[in-house]
Protein backbone atom coordinates (compact mmCIF):
# COMPACT_ATOMS: atom_id res chain seq x y z
CA MET A 1 -5.97 0.68 -1.15
CA LEU A 2 -3.90 -2.42 -1.52
CA GLN A 3 -6.92 -4.16 -1.83
CA GLY A 4 -8.86 -2.16 -3.33
CA PHE A 5 -6.07 -1.81 -6.57
CA LYS A 6 -6.45 -5.58 -6.67
CA ASP A 7 -9.60 -6.03 -6.92
CA ALA A 8 -9.85 -2.78 -9.95
CA GLU A 9 -7.17 -5.69 -11.33
CA PHE A 10 -9.39 -8.44 -11.35
CA MET A 11 -12.18 -6.47 -12.51
CA TRP A 12 -9.90 -5.44 -15.33
CA GLY A 13 -8.92 -8.89 -16.74
CA GLY A 14 -5.52 -8.28 -15.64
CA THR A 15 -1.94 -5.44 -14.98
CA LEU A 16 -3.66 -2.47 -15.18
CA PRO A 17 -2.56 0.94 -17.31
CA ASP A 18 0.71 2.13 -16.19
CA ILE A 19 -0.90 4.90 -15.45
CA SER A 20 -2.57 3.15 -12.88
CA GLN A 21 0.87 1.94 -11.85
CA GLN A 22 2.48 5.36 -11.40
CA THR A 23 0.03 6.85 -9.59
CA MET A 24 -0.36 3.60 -6.87
CA LYS A 25 3.05 3.87 -6.20
CA ALA A 26 3.10 7.22 -5.75
CA ALA A 27 0.19 7.16 -3.32
CA LEU A 28 2.07 4.40 -1.55
CA GLU A 29 4.41 6.53 -1.00
CA LEU A 30 2.70 9.17 0.06
CA VAL A 31 0.98 6.91 2.60
CA ASP A 32 3.98 4.93 3.44
CA LYS A 33 6.18 8.82 3.80
CA GLU A 34 3.50 10.44 6.19
CA MET A 35 3.30 7.42 8.54
CA ASN A 36 6.91 7.46 9.05
CA ARG A 37 6.52 10.65 9.92
CA LEU A 38 4.18 10.26 12.12
CA GLY A 39 6.68 7.93 13.95
CA PHE A 40 4.63 4.74 12.89
CA SER A 41 6.20 0.92 11.69
CA ILE A 42 4.03 -1.50 10.06
CA LEU A 43 7.24 -3.60 10.90
CA ASN A 44 6.68 -2.73 14.55
CA GLN A 45 3.72 -3.47 14.80
CA GLU A 46 3.94 -6.74 13.21
CA VAL A 47 6.69 -7.55 15.18
CA SER A 48 4.63 -6.35 18.61
CA SER A 49 1.29 -8.37 17.75
CA LEU A 50 3.58 -11.28 17.41
CA ILE A 51 5.43 -10.79 20.70
CA VAL A 52 2.78 -9.92 22.95
């Protein structure tokens, strides 16, 4: 999702319009909320991979 957004900004030639920014923020919040509900933590995954 994040890479796609960055690619879209590159193709656009700069920062996307506010509606795009708001949509991306809302989408990220929904994904984060669902990941947390499922017990997944990006921080824990990154730390675990460093320890192993």
